C-alpha atoms as a PDB file:
ATOM      1  CA  MET A   1     -27.821 -14.441  -5.812  1.00  0.00           C
ATOM      2  CA  ASN A   2     -28.021 -12.380  -2.295  1.00  0.00           C
ATOM      3  CA  ARG A   3     -26.682  -9.022  -3.931  1.00  0.00           C
ATOM      4  CA  THR A   4     -25.648  -7.126  -6.540  1.00  0.00           C
ATOM      5  CA  PRO A   5     -21.868  -7.920  -7.117  1.00  0.00           C
ATOM      6  CA  ARG A   6     -19.192  -5.395  -6.791  1.00  0.00           C
ATOM      7  CA  PRO A   7     -16.057  -5.047  -7.516  1.00  0.00           C
ATOM      8  CA  HIS A   8     -13.281  -7.574  -5.940  1.00  0.00           C
ATOM      9  CA  ASP A   9     -16.273  -9.473  -4.625  1.00  0.00           C
ATOM     10  CA  LEU A  10     -15.046 -13.436  -5.906  1.00  0.00           C
ATOM     11  CA  LEU A  11     -17.831 -15.340  -7.230  1.00  0.00           C
ATOM     12  CA  ARG A  12     -18.040 -19.210  -7.412  1.00  0.00           C
ATOM     13  CA  LEU A  13     -19.522 -20.307 -10.454  1.00  0.00           C
ATOM     14  CA  ALA A  14     -21.748 -22.939 -11.525  1.00  0.00           C
ATOM     15  CA  PRO A  15     -20.872 -26.351 -13.334  1.00  0.00           C
ATOM     16  CA  GLY A  16     -20.538 -25.694 -16.861  1.00  0.00           C
ATOM     17  CA  ALA A  17     -20.931 -22.028 -16.689  1.00  0.00           C
ATOM     18  CA  ALA A  18     -20.783 -20.650 -20.271  1.00  0.00           C
ATOM     19  CA  LEU A  19     -18.228 -18.277 -20.795  1.00  0.00           C
ATOM     20  CA  SER A  20     -16.767 -16.374 -24.508  1.00  0.00           C
ATOM     21  CA  ASP A  21     -15.517 -18.502 -27.181  1.00  0.00           C
ATOM     22  CA  GLU A  22     -12.722 -15.887 -26.982  1.00  0.00           C
ATOM     23  CA  ALA A  23     -11.703 -17.492 -23.869  1.00  0.00           C
ATOM     24  CA  PRO A  24      -7.553 -19.252 -24.207  1.00  0.00           C
ATOM     25  CA  ASP A  25      -7.391 -22.941 -23.450  1.00  0.00           C
ATOM     26  CA  TRP A  26      -6.437 -22.789 -19.782  1.00  0.00           C
ATOM     27  CA  VAL A  27      -9.059 -20.953 -18.111  1.00  0.00           C
ATOM     28  CA  ALA A  28     -11.280 -24.380 -18.741  1.00  0.00           C
ATOM     29  CA  ALA A  29      -8.470 -25.966 -16.838  1.00  0.00           C
ATOM     30  CA  SER A  30      -8.366 -22.804 -14.134  1.00  0.00           C
ATOM     31  CA  LEU A  31     -11.818 -23.631 -13.297  1.00  0.00           C
ATOM     32  CA  ALA A  32     -12.051 -27.313 -12.635  1.00  0.00           C
ATOM     33  CA  ARG A  33      -8.917 -26.393  -9.976  1.00  0.00           C
ATOM     34  CA  ALA A  34     -11.367 -23.373  -8.252  1.00  0.00           C
ATOM     35  CA  PRO A  35     -14.070 -22.232 -10.060  1.00  0.00           C
ATOM     36  CA  PHE A  36     -13.965 -18.539  -9.032  1.00  0.00           C
ATOM     37  CA  VAL A  37     -14.001 -15.236 -10.384  1.00  0.00           C
ATOM     38  CA  VAL A  38     -12.911 -11.926  -9.571  1.00  0.00           C
ATOM     39  CA  VAL A  39     -15.463  -9.249 -10.270  1.00  0.00           C
ATOM     40  CA  ARG A  40     -13.414  -6.613 -12.372  1.00  0.00           C
ATOM     41  CA  ARG A  41     -14.232  -2.239 -12.371  1.00  0.00           C
ATOM     42  CA  ALA A  42     -15.897  -2.255 -15.510  1.00  0.00           C
ATOM     43  CA  PRO A  43     -19.843  -1.872 -17.275  1.00  0.00           C
ATOM     44  CA  ARG A  44     -22.215  -4.519 -17.425  1.00  0.00           C
ATOM     45  CA  ILE A  45     -23.023  -5.603 -20.834  1.00  0.00           C
ATOM     46  CA  GLY A  46     -26.496  -6.281 -20.555  1.00  0.00           C
ATOM     47  CA  ASP A  47     -27.566  -8.195 -17.307  1.00  0.00           C
ATOM     48  CA  ALA A  48     -23.492  -9.521 -17.683  1.00  0.00           C
ATOM     49  CA  ILE A  49     -20.894  -9.073 -15.114  1.00  0.00           C
ATOM     50  CA  ALA A  50     -17.883  -7.942 -16.097  1.00  0.00           C
ATOM     51  CA  ILE A  51     -15.816 -11.157 -14.559  1.00  0.00           C
ATOM     52  CA  GLY A  52     -11.986 -11.741 -14.486  1.00  0.00           C
ATOM     53  CA  VAL A  53     -10.826 -15.151 -14.845  1.00  0.00           C
ATOM     54  CA  ARG A  54      -6.885 -15.902 -12.912  1.00  0.00           C
ATOM     55  CA  GLY A  55      -4.220 -19.228 -14.314  1.00  0.00           C
ATOM     56  CA  ALA A  56      -1.624 -20.929 -12.686  1.00  0.00           C
ATOM     57  CA  THR A  57       0.771 -17.556 -13.700  1.00  0.00           C
ATOM     58  CA  ARG A  58       0.416 -14.258 -13.532  1.00  0.00           C
ATOM     59  CA  GLY A  59       0.923 -13.562 -17.132  1.00  0.00           C
ATOM     60  CA  GLU A  60      -2.666 -16.009 -17.335  1.00  0.00           C
ATOM     61  CA  ARG A  61      -6.031 -13.319 -16.806  1.00  0.00           C
ATOM     62  CA  PHE A  62      -8.486 -13.566 -18.913  1.00  0.00           C
ATOM     63  CA  GLY A  63     -11.612 -10.859 -18.780  1.00  0.00           C
ATOM     64  CA  THR A  64     -14.704 -11.545 -19.782  1.00  0.00           C
ATOM     65  CA  TRP A  65     -18.283 -11.381 -18.672  1.00  0.00           C
ATOM     66  CA  ILE A  66     -21.041 -13.931 -17.129  1.00  0.00           C
ATOM     67  CA  GLU A  67     -24.773 -13.896 -16.062  1.00  0.00           C
ATOM     68  CA  PRO A  68     -25.809 -13.584 -12.845  1.00  0.00           C
ATOM     69  CA  ARG A  69     -27.637 -17.851 -13.788  1.00  0.00           C
ATOM     70  CA  TRP A  70     -24.550 -18.776 -13.601  1.00  0.00           C
ATOM     71  CA  ILE A  71     -23.248 -17.880 -10.197  1.00  0.00           C
ATOM     72  CA  GLU A  72     -24.018 -20.033  -7.144  1.00  0.00           C
ATOM     73  CA  ALA A  73     -22.226 -17.818  -4.779  1.00  0.00           C
ATOM     74  CA  ILE A  74     -20.737 -14.404  -3.713  1.00  0.00           C
ATOM     75  CA  LEU A  75     -17.482 -14.051  -1.567  1.00  0.00           C
ATOM     76  CA  GLY A  76     -16.657 -10.234  -0.675  1.00  0.00           C
ATOM     77  CA  PRO A  77     -13.666  -9.129   0.945  1.00  0.00           C
ATOM     78  CA  GLU A  78     -15.349  -8.953   3.836  1.00  0.00           C
ATOM     79  CA  ASP A  79     -16.491 -12.256   4.412  1.00  0.00           C
ATOM     80  CA  LEU A  80     -13.046 -13.598   3.805  1.00  0.00           C
ATOM     81  CA  ARG A  81     -11.287 -11.406   6.818  1.00  0.00           C
ATOM     82  CA  MET A  82     -12.035 -14.067   9.292  1.00  0.00           C
ATOM     83  CA  ARG A  83     -10.858 -16.942   7.366  1.00  0.00           C
ATOM     84  CA  GLU A  84      -8.236 -18.970   8.339  1.00  0.00           C
ATOM     85  CA  PRO A  85      -5.633 -20.156   5.449  1.00  0.00           C
ATOM     86  CA  ASN A  86      -3.943 -23.888   5.701  1.00  0.00           C
ATOM     87  CA  SER A  87      -2.447 -24.271   8.946  1.00  0.00           C
ATOM     88  CA  ALA A  88       1.085 -25.054   6.527  1.00  0.00           C
ATOM     89  CA  ARG A  89       0.557 -21.583   4.797  1.00  0.00           C
ATOM     90  CA  ALA A  90      -0.157 -19.372   7.867  1.00  0.00           C
ATOM     91  CA  ALA A  91       3.389 -17.960   8.146  1.00  0.00           C
ATOM     92  CA  LEU A  92       3.464 -16.712   4.277  1.00  0.00           C
ATOM     93  CA  PRO A  93       4.274 -13.050   4.425  1.00  0.00           C
ATOM     94  CA  ALA A  94       0.806 -12.031   3.249  1.00  0.00           C
ATOM     95  CA  PHE A  95      -0.987 -14.112   5.400  1.00  0.00           C
ATOM     96  CA  ALA A  96       1.585 -13.255   8.830  1.00  0.00           C
ATOM     97  CA  LEU A  97       0.909  -9.414   7.831  1.00  0.00           C
ATOM     98  CA  LEU A  98      -2.871  -9.778   7.369  1.00  0.00           C
ATOM     99  CA  ARG A  99      -3.294 -11.200  10.916  1.00  0.00           C
ATOM    100  CA  ALA A 100      -1.422  -7.825  11.723  1.00  0.00           C
ATOM    101  CA  VAL A 101      -3.735  -5.531  10.303  1.00  0.00           C
ATOM    102  CA  HIS A 102      -6.796  -6.725  11.992  1.00  0.00           C
ATOM    103  CA  SER A 103      -6.401  -4.410  14.759  1.00  0.00           C
ATOM    104  CA  ILE A 104      -5.221  -1.306  12.915  1.00  0.00           C
ATOM    105  CA  ILE A 105      -7.647  -1.415  10.753  1.00  0.00           C
ATOM    106  CA  ASP A 106     -10.788  -2.058  13.082  1.00  0.00           C
ATOM    107  CA  ARG A 107      -9.495   0.747  15.211  1.00  0.00           C
ATOM    108  CA  TYR A 108     -11.319   3.188  12.474  1.00  0.00           C
ATOM    109  CA  GLY A 109     -14.726   1.423  12.265  1.00  0.00           C
ATOM    110  CA  LEU A 110     -14.319   0.304   8.504  1.00  0.00           C
ATOM    111  CA  ASP A 111     -15.657  -2.486   6.743  1.00  0.00           C
ATOM    112  CA  TRP A 112     -12.445  -4.452   4.803  1.00  0.00           C
ATOM    113  CA  GLY A 113     -11.045  -7.613   4.017  1.00  0.00           C
ATOM    114  CA  PRO A 114      -8.349  -9.160   2.145  1.00  0.00           C
ATOM    115  CA  ALA A 115      -8.336  -9.473  -2.118  1.00  0.00           C
ATOM    116  CA  GLY A 116      -5.651 -10.040  -4.843  1.00  0.00           C
ATOM    117  CA  SER A 117      -4.267 -13.653  -4.162  1.00  0.00           C
ATOM    118  CA  ALA A 118      -4.863 -13.704  -0.383  1.00  0.00           C
ATOM    119  CA  GLY A 119      -8.270 -13.461  -0.933  1.00  0.00           C
ATOM    120  CA  PHE A 120      -8.755 -16.154  -3.666  1.00  0.00           C
ATOM    121  CA  GLU A 121      -6.831 -18.742  -1.526  1.00  0.00           C
ATOM    122  CA  LEU A 122      -8.916 -17.822   1.365  1.00  0.00           C
ATOM    123  CA  ALA A 123     -11.989 -18.084  -0.633  1.00  0.00           C
ATOM    124  CA  SER A 124     -10.721 -21.476  -2.697  1.00  0.00           C
ATOM    125  CA  ALA A 125      -8.509 -23.008  -0.931  1.00  0.00           C
ATOM    126  CA  MET A 126      -6.030 -23.057  -3.573  1.00  0.00           C
ATOM    127  CA  PRO A 127      -2.907 -22.520  -2.742  1.00  0.00           C
ATOM    128  CA  THR A 128      -2.582 -18.865  -4.745  1.00  0.00           C
ATOM    129  CA  ILE A 129       0.062 -16.740  -2.760  1.00  0.00           C
ATOM    130  CA  THR A 130       3.521 -16.800  -2.897  1.00  0.00           C
ATOM    131  CA  ARG A 131       6.371 -15.887  -0.016  1.00  0.00           C
ATOM    132  CA  ASP A 132       6.710 -12.906  -2.174  1.00  0.00           C
ATOM    133  CA  SER A 133       2.987 -11.977  -2.665  1.00  0.00           C
ATOM    134  CA  ASP A 134       1.898  -8.089  -1.766  1.00  0.00           C
ATOM    135  CA  LEU A 135      -1.001  -8.436   0.699  1.00  0.00           C
ATOM    136  CA  ASP A 136      -4.186  -6.608  -1.292  1.00  0.00           C
ATOM    137  CA  ILE A 137      -6.856  -5.280   1.033  1.00  0.00           C
ATOM    138  CA  VAL A 138     -10.225  -3.575   0.494  1.00  0.00           C
ATOM    139  CA  VAL A 139     -11.680  -1.047   2.904  1.00  0.00           C
ATOM    140  CA  ARG A 140     -15.335   0.369   2.166  1.00  0.00           C
ATOM    141  CA  ALA A 141     -15.391   3.947   2.695  1.00  0.00           C
ATOM    142  CA  PRO A 142     -19.474   5.268   1.972  1.00  0.00           C
ATOM    143  CA  SER A 143     -18.669   8.096   4.278  1.00  0.00           C
ATOM    144  CA  PRO A 144     -15.625  10.275   3.473  1.00  0.00           C
ATOM    145  CA  LEU A 145     -12.172   9.850   5.737  1.00  0.00           C
ATOM    146  CA  SER A 146     -10.407  12.327   6.559  1.00  0.00           C
ATOM    147  CA  ARG A 147      -7.055  13.056   5.423  1.00  0.00           C
ATOM    148  CA  ALA A 148      -5.649  13.198   8.823  1.00  0.00           C
ATOM    149  CA  ASP A 149      -7.438   9.849   9.456  1.00  0.00           C
ATOM    150  CA  ALA A 150      -6.544   8.661   5.952  1.00  0.00           C
ATOM    151  CA  SER A 151      -2.412   8.924   6.758  1.00  0.00           C
ATOM    152  CA  SER A 152      -2.569   7.956  10.729  1.00  0.00           C
ATOM    153  CA  LEU A 153      -3.990   4.197   8.783  1.00  0.00           C
ATOM    154  CA  PHE A 154      -1.508   4.305   5.825  1.00  0.00           C
ATOM    155  CA  ASP A 155       1.557   5.221   8.438  1.00  0.00           C
ATOM    156  CA  ALA A 156       0.314   2.121  10.474  1.00  0.00           C
ATOM    157  CA  LEU A 157      -0.347  -0.330   7.578  1.00  0.00           C
ATOM    158  CA  SER A 158       3.174   0.700   6.203  1.00  0.00           C
ATOM    159  CA  ARG A 159       5.161  -0.004   9.614  1.00  0.00           C
ATOM    160  CA  ALA A 160       3.178  -3.329   9.707  1.00  0.00           C
ATOM    161  CA  ALA A 161       4.364  -4.198   6.267  1.00  0.00           C
ATOM    162  CA  GLN A 162       8.177  -3.641   6.625  1.00  0.00           C
ATOM    163  CA  THR A 163       7.626  -5.455  10.025  1.00  0.00           C
ATOM    164  CA  GLU A 164       6.605  -8.932   8.246  1.00  0.00           C
ATOM    165  CA  ALA A 165       9.049  -7.988   5.616  1.00  0.00           C
ATOM    166  CA  THR A 166       6.537  -7.578   2.847  1.00  0.00           C
ATOM    167  CA  ARG A 167       4.120  -4.863   0.838  1.00  0.00           C
ATOM    168  CA  ILE A 168       0.505  -3.736   1.151  1.00  0.00           C
ATOM    169  CA  ASP A 169      -1.638  -2.539  -1.359  1.00  0.00           C
ATOM    170  CA  VAL A 170      -4.947  -0.534  -0.280  1.00  0.00           C
ATOM    171  CA  GLN A 171      -8.146   0.365  -2.200  1.00  0.00           C
ATOM    172  CA  ILE A 172     -10.280   2.721  -0.383  1.00  0.00           C
ATOM    173  CA  GLU A 173     -13.822   2.005  -1.771  1.00  0.00           C
ATOM    174  CA  THR A 174     -16.781   4.612  -2.538  1.00  0.00           C
ATOM    175  CA  PRO A 175     -20.473   3.711  -2.612  1.00  0.00           C
ATOM    176  CA  ASP A 176     -19.366   4.392  -7.229  1.00  0.00           C
ATOM    177  CA  ALA A 177     -15.362   4.411  -7.447  1.00  0.00           C
ATOM    178  CA  ALA A 178     -12.087   3.082  -6.078  1.00  0.00           C
ATOM    179  CA  PHE A 179      -8.185   5.251  -5.404  1.00  0.00           C
ATOM    180  CA  SER A 180      -5.466   4.282  -3.404  1.00  0.00           C
ATOM    181  CA  LEU A 181      -5.073   4.551   0.087  1.00  0.00           C
ATOM    182  CA  ALA A 182      -1.481   5.881  -0.378  1.00  0.00           C
ATOM    183  CA  GLU A 183      -1.992   8.690  -2.742  1.00  0.00           C
ATOM    184  CA  PHE A 184      -5.115  10.133  -0.143  1.00  0.00           C
ATOM    185  CA  ALA A 185      -2.363  10.326   2.432  1.00  0.00           C
ATOM    186  CA  ARG A 186      -0.339  12.855   0.900  1.00  0.00           C
ATOM    187  CA  ALA A 187      -2.061  15.756   1.757  1.00  0.00           C
ATOM    188  CA  ASN A 188      -3.407  18.631  -0.824  1.00  0.00           C
ATOM    189  CA  LEU A 189      -3.000  15.549  -3.820  1.00  0.00           C
ATOM    190  CA  ARG A 190      -5.399  15.138  -6.061  1.00  0.00           C
ATOM    191  CA  VAL A 191      -5.973  11.130  -6.610  1.00  0.00           C
ATOM    192  CA  MET A 192      -6.383   9.010  -9.721  1.00  0.00           C
ATOM    193  CA  LEU A 193     -10.329   8.046  -8.835  1.00  0.00           C
ATOM    194  CA  ARG A 194     -11.007   4.834 -10.996  1.00  0.00           C
ATOM    195  CA  HIS A 195     -14.900   4.433 -12.030  1.00  0.00           C
ATOM    196  CA  ALA A 196     -16.346   1.717 -14.429  1.00  0.00           C
ATOM    197  CA  ASP A 197     -16.208   4.388 -17.071  1.00  0.00           C
ATOM    198  CA  GLY A 198     -13.076   5.357 -16.869  1.00  0.00           C
ATOM    199  CA  PRO A 199     -10.207   6.991 -14.334  1.00  0.00           C
ATOM    200  CA  ARG A 200     -10.651  10.613 -13.391  1.00  0.00           C
ATOM    201  CA  LEU A 201      -8.346  12.812 -10.837  1.00  0.00           C
ATOM    202  CA  VAL A 202     -10.168  14.280  -8.256  1.00  0.00           C
ATOM    203  CA  ASP A 203      -9.619  15.959  -5.033  1.00  0.00           C
ATOM    204  CA  ASP A 204     -12.490  14.594  -3.135  1.00  0.00           C
ATOM    205  CA  PRO A 205     -13.639  11.003  -4.042  1.00  0.00           C
ATOM    206  CA  TRP A 206     -17.057  10.982  -2.463  1.00  0.00           C
ATOM    207  CA  THR A 207     -17.773  14.143  -5.124  1.00  0.00           C
ATOM    208  CA  THR A 208     -18.032  12.280  -8.264  1.00  0.00           C
ATOM    209  CA  ALA A 209     -19.935  15.200  -9.874  1.00  0.00           C
END
């Protein structure tokens, strides 16, 4: 590994990667099709990293842990933002919206990229999103983002999503946790900050004490 995996990163697993004996039957078939898992926001168990495996349906989700030796590559949302989907699928609303938000988010000087179904498809080349899929975005904000900037960013992204007739969900990642842009963009409201050890309601997501 070239860096420590972070929540939302996609990990490409080596052949024969050892998962929990409690894994449902569909997990092996899913990893055979696309050997990618997503890093979950949960505490490690020793050196093992919390991961999630996605199957063919929304109901097929399995959380477990993986030892670092089974990780062949790490793809963060930022690594996927310039990837192009298969040309036959590029017109799907989530991918159309992904193209549209590039110039919007880049104006704020923030690192960002697609997560969720769009990120998984761009990483694995496996058809994953549907015409009804939302676009999930991760924005890295190691330094505080003002409420005014958050509000203007949220409004611009919402207008772009409306134009493409789909929805967008933006998670802001601080060095230690994450929160919803939609919540933070609403002035004078506390936000739900998601930590590996559980959620907490805060006024300032960058002050965790």
